[in-house]
């Protein structure tokens, strides 16, 4: 299945050197939600969770914390949003860009709320929450730009491969 190749590629790219938060994770989730059979949508989430365990163990040399659950919840929210916004709909540029920006924003809000509530980096006050979000803004910029770039690349490449497969099977 072609979508699985994108899942594997997105997970593998998390292990390559990259600018913080500039990854194809959201692109892969949007592509999976729009094209993967619903009964298999657990696969991208499970692959991301497994890669988190591997990254924590072998790359970061740190255990995952409570904030990790917020990250996983954010991925589920992104997947759900994509199912509602993209599944069975005409995938125009506006719909895809809007869903991407909304996904980036939701991921930022949920995951950084998790950092604030679960970690000891910020006081659990309104001021601490504001500091958490403010200091995370550079990561949000990277994530949003990466999400937009990778969504264009993943959806464009998927469409190109599908078109070639159709042309090849018709010949």
Protein backbone atom coordinates (compact mmCIF):
# COMPACT_ATOMS: atom_id res chain seq x y z
CA UNK A 1 0.00 0.00 0.00
CA UNK A 2 1.41 3.33 -1.11
CA UNK A 3 0.28 5.20 2.00
CA UNK A 4 2.39 2.91 4.19
CA UNK A 5 5.47 4.04 2.27
CA UNK A 6 4.69 7.61 3.32
CA UNK A 7 4.17 6.52 6.93
CA UNK A 8 7.53 4.71 6.95
CA UNK A 9 9.26 7.66 5.25
CA UNK A 10 7.82 10.19 7.72
CA UNK A 11 8.82 8.09 10.72
CA UNK A 12 12.30 7.44 9.31
CA UNK A 13 12.83 11.15 8.65
CA UNK A 14 12.34 11.85 12.36
CA UNK A 15 15.68 10.06 12.93
CA UNK A 16 17.58 12.21 10.43
CA UNK A 17 19.13 15.53 11.46
CA UNK A 18 16.60 18.32 10.99
CA UNK A 19 15.67 21.76 12.24
CA UNK A 20 13.61 21.47 15.44
CA UNK A 21 9.98 20.57 14.66
CA UNK A 22 10.53 20.70 10.87
CA UNK A 23 9.24 17.20 10.18
CA UNK A 24 6.71 15.47 7.89
CA UNK A 25 4.59 14.10 10.75
CA UNK A 26 1.53 16.31 10.19
CA UNK A 27 1.77 15.81 6.43
CA UNK A 28 1.78 12.05 6.89
CA UNK A 29 -1.21 12.19 9.26
CA UNK A 30 -3.20 14.35 6.84
CA UNK A 31 -2.34 12.09 3.90
CA UNK A 32 -3.22 8.97 5.89
CA UNK A 33 -6.54 10.45 7.05
CA UNK A 34 -7.51 11.42 3.53
CA UNK A 35 -6.46 8.21 1.74
CA UNK A 36 -5.92 5.31 4.17
CA UNK A 37 -8.71 2.86 4.97
CA UNK A 38 -10.15 3.89 8.35
CA UNK A 39 -9.53 0.48 9.92
CA UNK A 40 -5.78 1.01 9.39
CA UNK A 41 -5.51 4.54 10.80
CA UNK A 42 -4.04 3.14 14.01
CA UNK A 43 -0.87 2.29 12.04
CA UNK A 44 0.51 5.85 11.66
CA UNK A 45 -0.18 6.63 15.33
CA UNK A 46 1.42 3.38 16.48
CA UNK A 47 4.44 4.01 14.24
CA UNK A 48 4.86 7.51 15.67
CA UNK A 49 4.54 6.24 19.24
CA UNK A 50 7.10 3.50 18.59
CA UNK A 51 9.46 6.03 17.04
CA UNK A 52 9.07 8.24 20.12
CA UNK A 53 10.16 5.37 22.34
CA UNK A 54 13.13 4.69 20.05
CA UNK A 55 14.10 8.39 19.84
CA UNK A 56 13.88 8.76 23.61
CA UNK A 57 15.98 5.65 24.16
CA UNK A 58 18.66 5.93 21.47
CA UNK A 59 18.81 9.58 20.46
CA UNK A 60 17.74 11.73 23.41
CA UNK A 61 18.77 9.23 26.12
CA UNK A 62 15.87 10.35 28.26
CA UNK A 63 12.64 8.75 29.35
CA UNK A 64 9.44 10.12 27.95
CA UNK A 65 7.38 12.12 30.38
CA UNK A 66 3.74 12.92 30.93
CA UNK A 67 4.00 15.57 28.22
CA UNK A 68 4.48 12.74 25.71
CA UNK A 69 0.84 11.77 26.21
CA UNK A 70 -0.19 15.28 25.21
CA UNK A 71 1.87 14.90 22.03
CA UNK A 72 0.12 11.64 21.22
CA UNK A 73 -3.25 13.20 21.98
CA UNK A 74 -2.38 16.07 19.65
CA UNK A 75 -1.62 13.60 16.86
CA UNK A 76 -5.01 11.97 17.41
CA UNK A 77 -6.69 15.40 17.26
CA UNK A 78 -4.84 16.20 14.01
CA UNK A 79 -5.90 12.85 12.56
CA UNK A 80 -9.51 13.49 13.62
CA UNK A 81 -9.49 16.99 12.16
CA UNK A 82 -8.11 15.64 8.90
CA UNK A 83 -10.79 12.95 8.77
CA UNK A 84 -13.47 15.62 9.16
CA UNK A 85 -11.92 18.18 6.82
CA UNK A 86 -10.34 16.05 4.09
CA UNK A 87 -11.87 12.56 3.95
CA UNK A 88 -14.14 12.16 0.94
CA UNK A 89 -13.84 15.83 0.02
CA UNK A 90 -12.33 17.53 -3.00
CA UNK A 91 -8.76 18.32 -1.95
CA UNK A 92 -8.35 21.89 -3.10
CA UNK A 93 -5.41 24.05 -2.13
CA UNK A 94 -7.48 26.17 0.28
CA UNK A 95 -8.94 23.17 2.12
CA UNK A 96 -5.53 21.51 2.37
CA UNK A 97 -3.72 24.69 3.48
CA UNK A 98 -6.44 25.52 6.02
CA UNK A 99 -6.37 22.03 7.49
CA UNK A 100 -2.58 22.15 7.65
CA UNK A 101 -2.50 25.48 9.48
CA UNK A 102 -5.26 24.35 11.86
CA UNK A 103 -3.34 21.10 12.50
CA UNK A 104 -0.10 22.96 13.20
CA UNK A 105 -1.89 25.31 15.58
CA UNK A 106 -3.75 22.56 17.43
CA UNK A 107 -0.59 20.51 17.78
CA UNK A 108 1.26 23.55 19.14
CA UNK A 109 -1.47 24.38 21.67
CA UNK A 110 -1.99 20.81 22.92
CA UNK A 111 1.64 19.75 23.07
CA UNK A 112 2.84 22.94 24.75
CA UNK A 113 -0.02 22.83 27.22
CA UNK A 114 1.34 19.37 28.04
CA UNK A 115 4.84 20.76 28.52
CA UNK A 116 3.44 23.38 30.89
CA UNK A 117 1.19 21.06 32.90
CA UNK A 118 3.52 18.04 33.08
CA UNK A 119 6.98 19.51 33.27
CA UNK A 120 8.81 21.51 35.84
CA UNK A 121 10.02 24.14 33.39
CA UNK A 122 7.28 26.69 34.05
CA UNK A 123 5.24 27.59 37.11
CA UNK A 124 1.67 26.35 36.96
CA UNK A 125 0.24 29.83 36.75
CA UNK A 126 -1.28 31.86 33.94
CA UNK A 127 2.04 33.64 33.66
CA UNK A 128 3.84 30.30 33.42
CA UNK A 129 1.49 29.15 30.67
CA UNK A 130 2.02 32.40 28.79
CA UNK A 131 5.79 31.98 29.12
CA UNK A 132 5.57 28.40 27.87
CA UNK A 133 3.66 29.40 24.74
CA UNK A 134 5.80 32.49 24.14
CA UNK A 135 9.08 30.60 24.36
CA UNK A 136 7.71 27.87 22.08
CA UNK A 137 6.84 30.28 19.24
CA UNK A 138 10.10 29.68 17.31
CA UNK A 139 9.29 25.95 17.34
CA UNK A 140 5.78 26.73 16.08
CA UNK A 141 7.22 28.71 13.18
CA UNK A 142 9.41 25.77 12.19
CA UNK A 143 6.54 23.31 12.60
CA UNK A 144 4.08 25.37 10.56
CA UNK A 145 6.57 25.94 7.74
CA UNK A 146 7.59 22.28 7.75
CA UNK A 147 3.97 21.16 7.80
CA UNK A 148 3.07 23.35 4.82
CA UNK A 149 6.14 22.27 2.85
CA UNK A 150 5.75 18.57 3.58
CA UNK A 151 1.99 18.59 2.95
CA UNK A 152 2.67 20.04 -0.49
CA UNK A 153 5.42 17.51 -1.13
CA UNK A 154 3.56 14.46 0.23
CA UNK A 155 0.22 15.21 -1.42
CA UNK A 156 1.92 16.23 -4.67
CA UNK A 157 4.09 13.12 -4.76
CA UNK A 158 1.16 10.89 -3.84
CA UNK A 159 -0.95 12.37 -6.67
CA UNK A 160 1.93 11.99 -9.13
CA UNK A 161 2.49 8.35 -8.21
CA UNK A 162 -1.25 7.61 -8.39
CA UNK A 163 -1.45 9.27 -11.80
CA UNK A 164 1.50 7.25 -13.12
CA UNK A 165 0.08 4.03 -11.72
CA UNK A 166 -3.22 4.71 -13.46
CA UNK A 167 -1.48 5.55 -16.73
CA UNK A 168 0.66 2.42 -16.46
CA UNK A 169 -2.30 0.14 -15.74
CA UNK A 170 -4.27 1.65 -18.63
CA UNK A 171 -1.43 1.03 -21.07
